[in-house]
Structure formats: C-alpha cells, structure tokens
Protein backbone atom coordinates (compact mmCIF):
# COMPACT_ATOMS: atom_id res chain seq x y z
CA MET A 1 12.96 -12.87 21.30
CA VAL A 2 12.05 -9.32 18.63
CA PHE A 3 8.07 -9.31 16.80
CA ASN A 4 8.67 -9.87 13.35
CA PRO A 5 5.27 -8.15 11.41
CA ASP A 6 6.45 -10.17 8.23
CA TYR A 7 5.79 -13.19 10.80
CA VAL A 8 2.30 -14.98 9.38
CA THR A 9 1.22 -18.14 11.15
CA LYS A 10 0.04 -21.19 9.70
CA GLU A 11 -3.56 -20.53 10.17
CA ALA A 12 -2.99 -16.88 9.35
CA ARG A 13 -1.84 -18.03 6.60
CA GLU A 14 -4.30 -20.60 5.58
CA ALA A 15 -7.12 -17.98 6.06
CA GLY A 16 -5.52 -15.89 3.70
CA VAL A 17 -5.35 -13.67 6.51
CA ASN A 18 -2.12 -10.73 6.55
CA ILE A 19 -1.38 -9.62 10.90
CA LYS A 20 -0.94 -6.48 8.41
CA GLU A 21 -4.74 -5.61 7.90
CA VAL A 22 -6.99 -2.86 9.72
CA ARG A 23 -9.98 -4.15 11.05
CA THR A 24 -12.75 -2.30 10.76
CA ALA A 25 -16.74 -3.44 10.98
CA LYS A 26 -19.16 -2.02 8.02
CA THR A 27 -22.63 -3.07 7.02
CA ILE A 28 -23.93 -4.85 3.50
CA THR A 29 -26.40 -4.50 2.10
CA ALA A 30 -27.03 -6.42 -0.99
CA PRO A 31 -30.41 -8.07 -3.15
CA VAL A 32 -30.72 -11.99 -1.37
CA SER A 33 -29.40 -13.14 -5.09
CA LEU A 34 -25.53 -12.00 -4.04
CA TRP A 35 -26.01 -13.63 -0.17
CA SER A 36 -27.19 -16.43 -2.75
CA LEU A 37 -24.34 -16.51 -4.63
CA MET A 38 -21.60 -15.35 -2.60
CA GLU A 39 -22.39 -18.67 -0.48
CA LEU A 40 -22.53 -20.65 -2.93
CA ILE A 41 -19.30 -19.82 -3.91
CA ARG A 42 -17.87 -19.80 0.43
CA SER A 43 -18.81 -24.02 -0.08
CA LYS A 44 -17.47 -24.34 -3.56
CA LYS A 45 -13.86 -23.11 -2.13
CA GLY A 46 -14.27 -24.55 1.39
CA PHE A 47 -13.83 -20.27 2.87
CA ASN A 48 -15.19 -20.45 6.21
CA ASN A 49 -16.67 -17.59 6.07
CA PHE A 50 -17.46 -13.70 3.70
CA ASN A 51 -14.70 -12.45 4.67
CA GLN A 52 -12.22 -14.78 3.21
CA VAL A 53 -15.10 -14.73 0.14
CA LEU A 54 -15.08 -11.79 0.25
CA HIS A 55 -11.06 -11.25 0.53
CA PHE A 56 -10.89 -14.09 -3.07
CA CYS A 57 -13.42 -12.38 -4.41
CA VAL A 58 -11.65 -8.71 -4.64
CA HIS A 59 -8.49 -9.77 -4.82
CA LYS A 60 -9.23 -12.83 -7.99
CA THR A 61 -11.27 -9.01 -10.09
CA GLY A 62 -8.23 -7.48 -9.19
CA ILE A 63 -5.76 -9.82 -10.78
CA ASP A 64 -8.98 -10.10 -13.52
CA MET A 65 -8.69 -6.07 -14.30
CA GLY A 66 -4.52 -5.76 -13.72
CA ILE A 67 -4.45 -3.47 -11.23
CA GLU A 68 -3.40 -6.49 -8.30
CA SER A 69 -0.38 -9.12 -9.00
C-alpha cells in the first residue's frame, strides 16, 4: 500500500482538517466577550472545539475579503 498525502479521512474531512496542516501550540489572550462570541458560533454551527471555530472564522473572513477562494 502506497501512502497518498492527498487522501483525507472521512473524520478529518468532517472536522475540516487537512492532513497536510502543521500543528503548533499558541496561547491566545482575548477578552471574555470574544470567548463568549466564539462559544456562540461554536454551538450554533455545531463545531466540536475552538480550533474549528477559529478555522471557520479565518477562512470565512478571507473569502469575504477576496483573498481566499
């Protein structure tokens, strides 16, 4: 069996995760109001965690600004 880096598992696709991503840890400091807003987005969109919320928000903003397709 040959490894195919373009293959994404069903679980990864559903989570919006690409296997080519680089994982890193970073502490984010933000006001409580931002965390509250992120929690509202997470629960309304049905995301499992804040990483998915952050990915969604950044990607959506990039599309709205015309710098991402």
